Amino acid sequence: KFKGTTYVDFMENYADVQKYCMQFIDNHDGNQISLS
């Protein structure tokens, strides 16, 4: 909207920390979990 590009040039690597943390939760149903 503001820069006319999809490319975020300063970001070279990205990871979803929520997705990573969820693998350590036992018996989780796969739905997203809140931070709190």
Full PDB file with SEQRES, HELIX, SHEET, SSBOND, CRYST1, ORIGX, SCALE, CONECT and MASTER records, all heavy atoms in Angstrom:
SEQRES   1 A   36  LYS PHE LYS GLY THR THR TYR VAL ASP PHE MET GLU ASN          
SEQRES   2 A   36  TYR ALA ASP VAL GLN LYS TYR CYS MET GLN PHE ILE ASP          
SEQRES   3 A   36  ASN HIS ASP GLY ASN GLN ILE SER LEU SER                      
HELIX    1 AA1 VAL A   17  MET A   22  1                                   6    
CRYST1    1.000    1.000    1.000  90.00  90.00  90.00 P 1           1          
ORIGX1      1.000000  0.000000  0.000000        0.00000                         
ORIGX2      0.000000  1.000000  0.000000        0.00000                         
ORIGX3      0.000000  0.000000  1.000000        0.00000                         
SCALE1      1.000000  0.000000  0.000000        0.00000                         
SCALE2      0.000000  1.000000  0.000000        0.00000                         
SCALE3      0.000000  0.000000  1.000000        0.00000                         
ATOM      1  N   LYS A   1       0.817  -1.217   0.000  1.00  0.00           N  
ATOM      2  CA  LYS A   1       0.000   0.000   0.000  1.00  0.00           C  
ATOM      3  C   LYS A   1       0.847   1.263   0.000  1.00  0.00           C  
ATOM      4  O   LYS A   1       0.540   2.234  -0.693  1.00  0.00           O  
ATOM      5  CB  LYS A   1      -0.915   0.015   1.234  1.00  0.00           C  
ATOM      6  CG  LYS A   1      -1.919  -1.122   1.327  1.00  0.00           C  
ATOM      7  CD  LYS A   1      -2.971  -1.086   0.247  1.00  0.00           C  
ATOM      8  CE  LYS A   1      -4.133  -2.042   0.552  1.00  0.00           C  
ATOM      9  NZ  LYS A   1      -3.724  -3.440   0.790  1.00  0.00           N  
ATOM     10  N   PHE A   2       1.923   1.286   0.785  1.00  0.00           N  
ATOM     11  CA  PHE A   2       2.676   2.517   0.997  1.00  0.00           C  
ATOM     12  C   PHE A   2       3.986   2.603   0.225  1.00  0.00           C  
ATOM     13  O   PHE A   2       4.518   3.694   0.035  1.00  0.00           O  
ATOM     14  CB  PHE A   2       2.963   2.694   2.495  1.00  0.00           C  
ATOM     15  CG  PHE A   2       1.721   2.740   3.349  1.00  0.00           C  
ATOM     16  CD1 PHE A   2       1.703   2.129   4.595  1.00  0.00           C  
ATOM     17  CD2 PHE A   2       0.577   3.380   2.912  1.00  0.00           C  
ATOM     18  CE1 PHE A   2       0.562   2.170   5.390  1.00  0.00           C  
ATOM     19  CE2 PHE A   2      -0.574   3.420   3.694  1.00  0.00           C  
ATOM     20  CZ  PHE A   2      -0.579   2.819   4.927  1.00  0.00           C  
ATOM     21  N   LYS A   3       4.528   1.443  -0.198  1.00  0.00           N  
ATOM     22  CA  LYS A   3       5.785   1.449  -0.930  1.00  0.00           C  
ATOM     23  C   LYS A   3       5.664   0.875  -2.343  1.00  0.00           C  
ATOM     24  O   LYS A   3       6.599   0.948  -3.135  1.00  0.00           O  
ATOM     25  CB  LYS A   3       6.858   0.665  -0.159  1.00  0.00           C  
ATOM     26  CG  LYS A   3       7.326   1.342   1.129  1.00  0.00           C  
ATOM     27  CD  LYS A   3       8.362   0.482   1.843  1.00  0.00           C  
ATOM     28  CE  LYS A   3       8.997   1.207   3.013  1.00  0.00           C  
ATOM     29  NZ  LYS A   3       9.884   2.309   2.578  1.00  0.00           N  
ATOM     30  N   GLY A   4       4.528   0.240  -2.631  1.00  0.00           N  
ATOM     31  CA  GLY A   4       4.312  -0.309  -3.963  1.00  0.00           C  
ATOM     32  C   GLY A   4       5.099  -1.561  -4.257  1.00  0.00           C  
ATOM     33  O   GLY A   4       5.376  -1.870  -5.418  1.00  0.00           O  
ATOM     34  N   THR A   5       5.475  -2.314  -3.214  1.00  0.00           N  
ATOM     35  CA  THR A   5       6.240  -3.542  -3.421  1.00  0.00           C  
ATOM     36  C   THR A   5       5.892  -4.569  -2.357  1.00  0.00           C  
ATOM     37  O   THR A   5       5.527  -4.201  -1.229  1.00  0.00           O  
ATOM     38  CB  THR A   5       7.755  -3.255  -3.364  1.00  0.00           C  
ATOM     39  OG1 THR A   5       8.486  -4.487  -3.546  1.00  0.00           O  
ATOM     40  CG2 THR A   5       8.154  -2.635  -2.037  1.00  0.00           C  
ATOM     41  N   THR A   6       5.995  -5.837  -2.714  1.00  0.00           N  
ATOM     42  CA  THR A   6       5.816  -6.908  -1.728  1.00  0.00           C  
ATOM     43  C   THR A   6       7.135  -7.259  -1.053  1.00  0.00           C  
ATOM     44  O   THR A   6       7.146  -8.000  -0.062  1.00  0.00           O  
ATOM     45  CB  THR A   6       5.279  -8.190  -2.400  1.00  0.00           C  
ATOM     46  OG1 THR A   6       6.232  -8.647  -3.379  1.00  0.00           O  
ATOM     47  CG2 THR A   6       3.939  -7.943  -3.075  1.00  0.00           C  
ATOM     48  N   TYR A   7       8.232  -6.738  -1.562  1.00  0.00           N  
ATOM     49  CA  TYR A   7       9.559  -7.169  -1.114  1.00  0.00           C  
ATOM     50  C   TYR A   7      10.032  -6.363   0.092  1.00  0.00           C  
ATOM     51  O   TYR A   7      10.274  -5.160  -0.002  1.00  0.00           O  
ATOM     52  CB  TYR A   7      10.551  -7.021  -2.264  1.00  0.00           C  
ATOM     53  CG  TYR A   7      11.942  -7.557  -1.971  1.00  0.00           C  
ATOM     54  CD1 TYR A   7      12.126  -8.778  -1.328  1.00  0.00           C  
ATOM     55  CD2 TYR A   7      13.072  -6.836  -2.334  1.00  0.00           C  
ATOM     56  CE1 TYR A   7      13.394  -9.274  -1.056  1.00  0.00           C  
ATOM     57  CE2 TYR A   7      14.343  -7.316  -2.075  1.00  0.00           C  
ATOM     58  CZ  TYR A   7      14.497  -8.531  -1.429  1.00  0.00           C  
ATOM     59  OH  TYR A   7      15.755  -9.011  -1.163  1.00  0.00           O  
ATOM     60  N   VAL A   8      10.172  -7.032   1.229  1.00  0.00           N  
ATOM     61  CA  VAL A   8      10.709  -6.407   2.436  1.00  0.00           C  
ATOM     62  C   VAL A   8      12.221  -6.641   2.411  1.00  0.00           C  
ATOM     63  O   VAL A   8      12.719  -7.691   2.837  1.00  0.00           O  
ATOM     64  CB  VAL A   8      10.075  -7.015   3.708  1.00  0.00           C  
ATOM     65  CG1 VAL A   8      10.605  -6.319   4.959  1.00  0.00           C  
ATOM     66  CG2 VAL A   8       8.549  -6.910   3.633  1.00  0.00           C  
ATOM     67  N   ASP A   9      12.959  -5.677   1.891  1.00  0.00           N  
ATOM     68  CA  ASP A   9      14.354  -5.910   1.522  1.00  0.00           C  
ATOM     69  C   ASP A   9      15.304  -6.097   2.700  1.00  0.00           C  
ATOM     70  O   ASP A   9      16.400  -6.635   2.525  1.00  0.00           O  
ATOM     71  CB  ASP A   9      14.864  -4.783   0.612  1.00  0.00           C  
ATOM     72  CG  ASP A   9      14.714  -3.404   1.232  1.00  0.00           C  
ATOM     73  OD1 ASP A   9      14.211  -3.316   2.369  1.00  0.00           O  
ATOM     74  OD2 ASP A   9      15.106  -2.417   0.577  1.00  0.00           O  
ATOM     75  N   PHE A  10      14.912  -5.677   3.899  1.00  0.00           N  
ATOM     76  CA  PHE A  10      15.833  -5.820   5.033  1.00  0.00           C  
ATOM     77  C   PHE A  10      15.700  -7.177   5.730  1.00  0.00           C  
ATOM     78  O   PHE A  10      16.483  -7.499   6.607  1.00  0.00           O  
ATOM     79  CB  PHE A  10      15.632  -4.689   6.051  1.00  0.00           C  
ATOM     80  CG  PHE A  10      14.261  -4.646   6.683  1.00  0.00           C  
ATOM     81  CD1 PHE A  10      13.936  -5.464   7.756  1.00  0.00           C  
ATOM     82  CD2 PHE A  10      13.297  -3.772   6.202  1.00  0.00           C  
ATOM     83  CE1 PHE A  10      12.680  -5.412   8.339  1.00  0.00           C  
ATOM     84  CE2 PHE A  10      12.037  -3.710   6.779  1.00  0.00           C  
ATOM     85  CZ  PHE A  10      11.731  -4.537   7.850  1.00  0.00           C  
ATOM     86  N   MET A  11      14.721  -7.967   5.336  1.00  0.00           N  
ATOM     87  CA  MET A  11      14.487  -9.255   5.990  1.00  0.00           C  
ATOM     88  C   MET A  11      15.004 -10.385   5.092  1.00  0.00           C  
ATOM     89  O   MET A  11      14.503 -10.605   3.991  1.00  0.00           O  
ATOM     90  CB  MET A  11      12.980  -9.432   6.253  1.00  0.00           C  
ATOM     91  CG  MET A  11      12.633 -10.635   7.108  1.00  0.00           C  
ATOM     92  SD  MET A  11      10.837 -10.728   7.454  1.00  0.00           S  
ATOM     93  CE  MET A  11      10.574  -9.245   8.414  1.00  0.00           C  
ATOM     94  N   GLU A  12      16.021 -11.104   5.569  1.00  0.00           N  
ATOM     95  CA  GLU A  12      16.622 -12.166   4.768  1.00  0.00           C  
ATOM     96  C   GLU A  12      16.183 -13.556   5.204  1.00  0.00           C  
ATOM     97  O   GLU A  12      16.160 -14.484   4.392  1.00  0.00           O  
ATOM     98  CB  GLU A  12      18.146 -12.066   4.826  1.00  0.00           C  
ATOM     99  CG  GLU A  12      18.705 -10.788   4.194  1.00  0.00           C  
ATOM    100  CD  GLU A  12      20.220 -10.761   4.190  1.00  0.00           C  
ATOM    101  OE1 GLU A  12      20.834 -11.681   4.770  1.00  0.00           O  
ATOM    102  OE2 GLU A  12      20.786  -9.821   3.605  1.00  0.00           O  
ATOM    103  N   ASN A  13      15.870 -13.720   6.480  1.00  0.00           N  
ATOM    104  CA  ASN A  13      15.429 -15.019   7.000  1.00  0.00           C  
ATOM    105  C   ASN A  13      14.256 -14.801   7.949  1.00  0.00           C  
ATOM    106  O   ASN A  13      14.227 -13.822   8.710  1.00  0.00           O  
ATOM    107  CB  ASN A  13      16.568 -15.721   7.764  1.00  0.00           C  
ATOM    108  CG  ASN A  13      17.791 -15.943   6.910  1.00  0.00           C  
ATOM    109  OD1 ASN A  13      17.807 -16.803   6.038  1.00  0.00           O  
ATOM    110  ND2 ASN A  13      18.837 -15.146   7.149  1.00  0.00           N  
ATOM    111  N   TYR A  14      13.307 -15.727   7.922  1.00  0.00           N  
ATOM    112  CA  TYR A  14      12.113 -15.585   8.764  1.00  0.00           C  
ATOM    113  C   TYR A  14      11.684 -16.950   9.304  1.00  0.00           C  
ATOM    114  O   TYR A  14      11.794 -17.971   8.619  1.00  0.00           O  
ATOM    115  CB  TYR A  14      10.951 -14.966   7.985  1.00  0.00           C  
ATOM    116  CG  TYR A  14       9.653 -15.020   8.767  1.00  0.00           C  
ATOM    117  CD1 TYR A  14       9.378 -14.090   9.758  1.00  0.00           C  
ATOM    118  CD2 TYR A  14       8.727 -16.042   8.542  1.00  0.00           C  
ATOM    119  CE1 TYR A  14       8.220 -14.155  10.512  1.00  0.00           C  
ATOM    120  CE2 TYR A  14       7.560 -16.118   9.288  1.00  0.00           C  
ATOM    121  CZ  TYR A  14       7.310 -15.174  10.273  1.00  0.00           C  
ATOM    122  OH  TYR A  14       6.173 -15.257  11.018  1.00  0.00           O  
ATOM    123  N   ALA A  15      11.151 -16.940  10.545  1.00  0.00           N  
ATOM    124  CA  ALA A  15      10.585 -18.155  11.129  1.00  0.00           C  
ATOM    125  C   ALA A  15       9.362 -17.775  11.968  1.00  0.00           C  
ATOM    126  O   ALA A  15       9.329 -16.716  12.600  1.00  0.00           O  
ATOM    127  CB  ALA A  15      11.603 -18.884  11.994  1.00  0.00           C  
ATOM    128  N   ASP A  16       8.386 -18.652  11.963  1.00  0.00           N  
ATOM    129  CA  ASP A  16       7.172 -18.486  12.755  1.00  0.00           C  
ATOM    130  C   ASP A  16       7.425 -19.099  14.135  1.00  0.00           C  
ATOM    131  O   ASP A  16       7.445 -20.317  14.282  1.00  0.00           O  
ATOM    132  CB  ASP A  16       6.008 -19.174  12.045  1.00  0.00           C  
ATOM    133  CG  ASP A  16       4.683 -19.034  12.767  1.00  0.00           C  
ATOM    134  OD1 ASP A  16       4.682 -18.654  13.949  1.00  0.00           O  
ATOM    135  OD2 ASP A  16       3.649 -19.318  12.139  1.00  0.00           O  
ATOM    136  N   VAL A  17       7.623 -18.247  15.142  1.00  0.00           N  
ATOM    137  CA  VAL A  17       7.975 -18.751  16.472  1.00  0.00           C  
ATOM    138  C   VAL A  17       6.790 -19.453  17.131  1.00  0.00           C  
ATOM    139  O   VAL A  17       6.963 -20.362  17.944  1.00  0.00           O  
ATOM    140  CB  VAL A  17       8.525 -17.611  17.362  1.00  0.00           C  
ATOM    141  CG1 VAL A  17       7.452 -16.614  17.718  1.00  0.00           C  
ATOM    142  CG2 VAL A  17       9.188 -18.170  18.600  1.00  0.00           C  
ATOM    143  N   GLN A  18       5.568 -19.054  16.778  1.00  0.00           N  
ATOM    144  CA  GLN A  18       4.394 -19.750  17.310  1.00  0.00           C  
ATOM    145  C   GLN A  18       4.374 -21.205  16.819  1.00  0.00           C  
ATOM    146  O   GLN A  18       4.178 -22.134  17.611  1.00  0.00           O  
ATOM    147  CB  GLN A  18       3.115 -19.048  16.864  1.00  0.00           C  
ATOM    148  CG  GLN A  18       1.840 -19.705  17.383  1.00  0.00           C  
ATOM    149  CD  GLN A  18       0.610 -19.220  16.652  1.00  0.00           C  
ATOM    150  OE1 GLN A  18       0.509 -19.339  15.435  1.00  0.00           O  
ATOM    151  NE2 GLN A  18      -0.334 -18.664  17.387  1.00  0.00           N  
ATOM    152  N   LYS A  19       4.578 -21.389  15.541  1.00  0.00           N  
ATOM    153  CA  LYS A  19       4.580 -22.732  14.956  1.00  0.00           C  
ATOM    154  C   LYS A  19       5.681 -23.579  15.579  1.00  0.00           C  
ATOM    155  O   LYS A  19       5.490 -24.782  15.833  1.00  0.00           O  
ATOM    156  CB  LYS A  19       4.760 -22.630  13.443  1.00  0.00           C  
ATOM    157  CG  LYS A  19       4.589 -23.929  12.686  1.00  0.00           C  
ATOM    158  CD  LYS A  19       4.679 -23.687  11.188  1.00  0.00           C  
ATOM    159  CE  LYS A  19       4.488 -24.982  10.409  1.00  0.00           C  
ATOM    160  NZ  LYS A  19       4.579 -24.741   8.936  1.00  0.00           N  
ATOM    161  N   TYR A  20       6.851 -22.975  15.803  1.00  0.00           N  
ATOM    162  CA  TYR A  20       7.956 -23.706  16.414  1.00  0.00           C  
ATOM    163  C   TYR A  20       7.611 -24.120  17.837  1.00  0.00           C  
ATOM    164  O   TYR A  20       7.806 -25.279  18.226  1.00  0.00           O  
ATOM    165  CB  TYR A  20       9.219 -22.838  16.404  1.00  0.00           C  
ATOM    166  CG  TYR A  20      10.359 -23.448  17.186  1.00  0.00           C  
ATOM    167  CD1 TYR A  20      11.043 -24.558  16.709  1.00  0.00           C  
ATOM    168  CD2 TYR A  20      10.732 -22.936  18.428  1.00  0.00           C  
ATOM    169  CE1 TYR A  20      12.071 -25.144  17.435  1.00  0.00           C  
ATOM    170  CE2 TYR A  20      11.762 -23.500  19.158  1.00  0.00           C  
ATOM    171  CZ  TYR A  20      12.424 -24.607  18.658  1.00  0.00           C  
ATOM    172  OH  TYR A  20      13.429 -25.187  19.389  1.00  0.00           O  
ATOM    173  N   CYS A  21       7.091 -23.196  18.630  1.00  0.00           N  
ATOM    174  CA  CYS A  21       6.790 -23.498  20.033  1.00  0.00           C  
ATOM    175  C   CYS A  21       5.696 -24.549  20.175  1.00  0.00           C  
ATOM    176  O   CYS A  21       5.711 -25.347  21.126  1.00  0.00           O  
ATOM    177  CB  CYS A  21       6.365 -22.220  20.766  1.00  0.00           C  
ATOM    178  SG  CYS A  21       7.722 -21.061  21.092  1.00  0.00           S  
ATOM    179  N   MET A  22       4.763 -24.579  19.254  1.00  0.00           N  
ATOM    180  CA  MET A  22       3.636 -25.501  19.361  1.00  0.00           C  
ATOM    181  C   MET A  22       4.063 -26.961  19.323  1.00  0.00           C  
ATOM    182  O   MET A  22       3.366 -27.828  19.853  1.00  0.00           O  
ATOM    183  CB  MET A  22       2.604 -25.213  18.261  1.00  0.00           C  
ATOM    184  CG  MET A  22       1.728 -24.006  18.571  1.00  0.00           C  
ATOM    185  SD  MET A  22       0.673 -23.517  17.174  1.00  0.00           S  
ATOM    186  CE  MET A  22      -0.214 -25.024  16.853  1.00  0.00           C  
ATOM    187  N   GLN A  23       5.201 -27.249  18.708  1.00  0.00           N  
ATOM    188  CA  GLN A  23       5.633 -28.646  18.642  1.00  0.00           C  
ATOM    189  C   GLN A  23       6.095 -29.176  20.002  1.00  0.00           C  
ATOM    190  O   GLN A  23       6.266 -30.378  20.178  1.00  0.00           O  
ATOM    191  CB  GLN A  23       6.746 -28.811  17.607  1.00  0.00           C  
ATOM    192  CG  GLN A  23       8.054 -28.139  17.990  1.00  0.00           C  
ATOM    193  CD  GLN A  23       9.166 -28.428  17.009  1.00  0.00           C  
ATOM    194  OE1 GLN A  23       9.271 -29.531  16.463  1.00  0.00           O  
ATOM    195  NE2 GLN A  23      10.005 -27.434  16.776  1.00  0.00           N  
ATOM    196  N   PHE A  24       6.251 -28.288  20.977  1.00  0.00           N  
ATOM    197  CA  PHE A  24       6.663 -28.703  22.316  1.00  0.00           C  
ATOM    198  C   PHE A  24       5.483 -28.815  23.275  1.00  0.00           C  
ATOM    199  O   PHE A  24       5.670 -29.045  24.464  1.00  0.00           O  
ATOM    200  CB  PHE A  24       7.681 -27.711  22.878  1.00  0.00           C  
ATOM    201  CG  PHE A  24       8.977 -27.675  22.109  1.00  0.00           C  
ATOM    202  CD1 PHE A  24       9.157 -26.777  21.072  1.00  0.00           C  
ATOM    203  CD2 PHE A  24       9.998 -28.563  22.408  1.00  0.00           C  
ATOM    204  CE1 PHE A  24      10.337 -26.746  20.349  1.00  0.00           C  
ATOM    205  CE2 PHE A  24      11.190 -28.539  21.694  1.00  0.00           C  
ATOM    206  CZ  PHE A  24      11.359 -27.629  20.659  1.00  0.00           C  
ATOM    207  N   ILE A  25       4.282 -28.642  22.760  1.00  0.00           N  
ATOM    208  CA  ILE A  25       3.080 -28.719  23.596  1.00  0.00           C  
ATOM    209  C   ILE A  25       2.431 -30.084  23.400  1.00  0.00           C  
ATOM    210  O   ILE A  25       1.993 -30.425  22.293  1.00  0.00           O  
ATOM    211  CB  ILE A  25       2.099 -27.588  23.245  1.00  0.00           C  
ATOM    212  CG1 ILE A  25       2.759 -26.231  23.516  1.00  0.00           C  
ATOM    213  CG2 ILE A  25       0.803 -27.736  24.061  1.00  0.00           C  
ATOM    214  CD1 ILE A  25       1.928 -25.052  23.073  1.00  0.00           C  
ATOM    215  N   ASP A  26       2.369 -30.870  24.429  1.00  0.00           N  
ATOM    216  CA  ASP A  26       1.810 -32.222  24.359  1.00  0.00           C  
ATOM    217  C   ASP A  26       0.301 -32.175  24.135  1.00  0.00           C  
ATOM    218  O   ASP A  26      -0.398 -31.298  24.648  1.00  0.00           O  
ATOM    219  CB  ASP A  26       2.096 -32.989  25.654  1.00  0.00           C  
ATOM    220  CG  ASP A  26       3.586 -33.251  25.848  1.00  0.00           C  
ATOM    221  OD1 ASP A  26       4.302 -33.331  24.837  1.00  0.00           O  
ATOM    222  OD2 ASP A  26       4.016 -33.344  27.022  1.00  0.00           O  
ATOM    223  N   ASN A  27      -0.171 -33.152  23.346  1.00  0.00           N  
ATOM    224  CA  ASN A  27      -1.603 -33.335  23.119  1.00  0.00           C  
ATOM    225  C   ASN A  27      -2.273 -32.087  22.547  1.00  0.00           C  
ATOM    226  O   ASN A  27      -3.442 -31.801  22.829  1.00  0.00           O  
ATOM    227  CB  ASN A  27      -2.322 -33.740  24.419  1.00  0.00           C  
ATOM    228  CG  ASN A  27      -1.749 -35.005  25.018  1.00  0.00           C  
ATOM    229  OD1 ASN A  27      -1.463 -35.966  24.307  1.00  0.00           O  
ATOM    230  ND2 ASN A  27      -1.565 -35.009  26.335  1.00  0.00           N  
ATOM    231  N   HIS A  28      -1.530 -31.352  21.750  1.00  0.00           N  
ATOM    232  CA  HIS A  28      -2.124 -30.160  21.139  1.00  0.00           C  
ATOM    233  C   HIS A  28      -2.920 -30.550  19.905  1.00  0.00           C  
ATOM    234  O   HIS A  28      -2.529 -31.438  19.158  1.00  0.00           O  
ATOM    235  CB  HIS A  28      -1.035 -29.152  20.771  1.00  0.00           C  
ATOM    236  CG  HIS A  28      -1.566 -27.801  20.426  1.00  0.00           C  
ATOM    237  ND1 HIS A  28      -1.796 -27.400  19.138  1.00  0.00           N  
ATOM    238  CD2 HIS A  28      -1.956 -26.768  21.217  1.00  0.00           C  
ATOM    239  CE1 HIS A  28      -2.280 -26.176  19.143  1.00  0.00           C  
ATOM    240  NE2 HIS A  28      -2.381 -25.773  20.392  1.00  0.00           N  
ATOM    241  N   ASP A  29      -4.067 -29.863  19.678  1.00  0.00           N  
ATOM    242  CA  ASP A  29      -4.955 -30.248  18.584  1.00  0.00           C  
ATOM    243  C   ASP A  29      -4.563 -29.655  17.233  1.00  0.00           C  
ATOM    244  O   ASP A  29      -5.247 -29.875  16.233  1.00  0.00           O  
ATOM    245  CB  ASP A  29      -6.403 -29.859  18.907  1.00  0.00           C  
ATOM    246  CG  ASP A  29      -6.568 -28.362  19.169  1.00  0.00           C  
ATOM    247  OD1 ASP A  29      -5.597 -27.607  18.944  1.00  0.00           O  
ATOM    248  OD2 ASP A  29      -7.668 -27.956  19.595  1.00  0.00           O  
ATOM    249  N   GLY A  30      -3.478 -28.902  17.189  1.00  0.00           N  
ATOM    250  CA  GLY A  30      -3.018 -28.342  15.922  1.00  0.00           C  
ATOM    251  C   GLY A  30      -3.494 -26.934  15.654  1.00  0.00           C  
ATOM    252  O   GLY A  30      -2.984 -26.258  14.764  1.00  0.00           O  
ATOM    253  N   ASN A  31      -4.493 -26.460  16.405  1.00  0.00           N  
ATOM    254  CA  ASN A  31      -4.969 -25.092  16.240  1.00  0.00           C  
ATOM    255  C   ASN A  31      -3.966 -24.111  16.831  1.00  0.00           C  
ATOM    256  O   ASN A  31      -3.209 -24.442  17.741  1.00  0.00           O  
ATOM    257  CB  ASN A  31      -6.330 -24.912  16.916  1.00  0.00           C  
ATOM    258  CG  ASN A  31      -7.425 -25.705  16.222  1.00  0.00           C  
ATOM    259  OD1 ASN A  31      -7.457 -25.784  14.992  1.00  0.00           O  
ATOM    260  ND2 ASN A  31      -8.317 -26.298  16.994  1.00  0.00           N  
ATOM    261  N   GLN A  32      -3.990 -22.891  16.310  1.00  0.00           N  
ATOM    262  CA  GLN A  32      -3.065 -21.881  16.808  1.00  0.00           C  
ATOM    263  C   GLN A  32      -3.328 -21.590  18.287  1.00  0.00           C  
ATOM    264  O   GLN A  32      -4.464 -21.620  18.740  1.00  0.00           O  
ATOM    265  CB  GLN A  32      -3.193 -20.598  15.993  1.00  0.00           C  
ATOM    266  CG  GLN A  32      -2.655 -20.730  14.579  1.00  0.00           C  
ATOM    267  CD  GLN A  32      -2.639 -19.401  13.856  1.00  0.00           C  
ATOM    268  OE1 GLN A  32      -3.399 -18.504  14.156  1.00  0.00           O  
ATOM    269  NE2 GLN A  32      -1.746 -19.269  12.886  1.00  0.00           N  
ATOM    270  N   ILE A  33      -2.269 -21.308  18.999  1.00  0.00           N  
ATOM    271  CA  ILE A  33      -2.367 -21.055  20.430  1.00  0.00           C  
ATOM    272  C   ILE A  33      -1.940 -19.621  20.712  1.00  0.00           C  
ATOM    273  O   ILE A  33      -1.036 -19.089  20.057  1.00  0.00           O  
ATOM    274  CB  ILE A  33      -1.484 -22.061  21.205  1.00  0.00           C  
ATOM    275  CG1 ILE A  33      -1.708 -21.942  22.704  1.00  0.00           C  
ATOM    276  CG2 ILE A  33      -0.016 -21.887  20.865  1.00  0.00           C  
ATOM    277  CD1 ILE A  33      -1.051 -23.049  23.500  1.00  0.00           C  
ATOM    278  N   SER A  34      -2.611 -18.982  21.659  1.00  0.00           N  
ATOM    279  CA  SER A  34      -2.279 -17.600  21.981  1.00  0.00           C  
ATOM    280  C   SER A  34      -0.940 -17.533  22.703  1.00  0.00           C  
ATOM    281  O   SER A  34      -0.481 -18.506  23.318  1.00  0.00           O  
ATOM    282  CB  SER A  34      -3.365 -16.968  22.847  1.00  0.00           C  
ATOM    283  OG  SER A  34      -3.344 -17.530  24.152  1.00  0.00           O  
ATOM    284  N   LEU A  35      -0.330 -16.367  22.648  1.00  0.00           N  
ATOM    285  CA  LEU A  35       0.963 -16.155  23.300  1.00  0.00           C  
ATOM    286  C   LEU A  35       0.845 -16.338  24.810  1.00  0.00           C  
ATOM    287  O   LEU A  35       1.686 -16.990  25.438  1.00  0.00           O  
ATOM    288  CB  LEU A  35       1.486 -14.761  22.959  1.00  0.00           C  
ATOM    289  CG  LEU A  35       2.796 -14.321  23.616  1.00  0.00           C  
ATOM    290  CD1 LEU A  35       3.915 -15.287  23.285  1.00  0.00           C  
ATOM    291  CD2 LEU A  35       3.151 -12.901  23.150  1.00  0.00           C  
ATOM    292  N   SER A  36      -0.202 -15.783  25.402  1.00  0.00           N  
ATOM    293  CA  SER A  36      -0.368 -15.883  26.852  1.00  0.00           C  
ATOM    294  C   SER A  36      -0.604 -17.327  27.285  1.00  0.00           C  
ATOM    295  O   SER A  36      -0.088 -17.761  28.335  1.00  0.00           O  
ATOM    296  CB  SER A  36      -1.526 -15.003  27.318  1.00  0.00           C  
ATOM    297  OG  SER A  36      -2.731 -15.363  26.680  1.00  0.00           O  
TER     298      SER A  36                                                      
MASTER        0    0    0    1    0    0    0    6  297    1    0    3          
END                                                                             
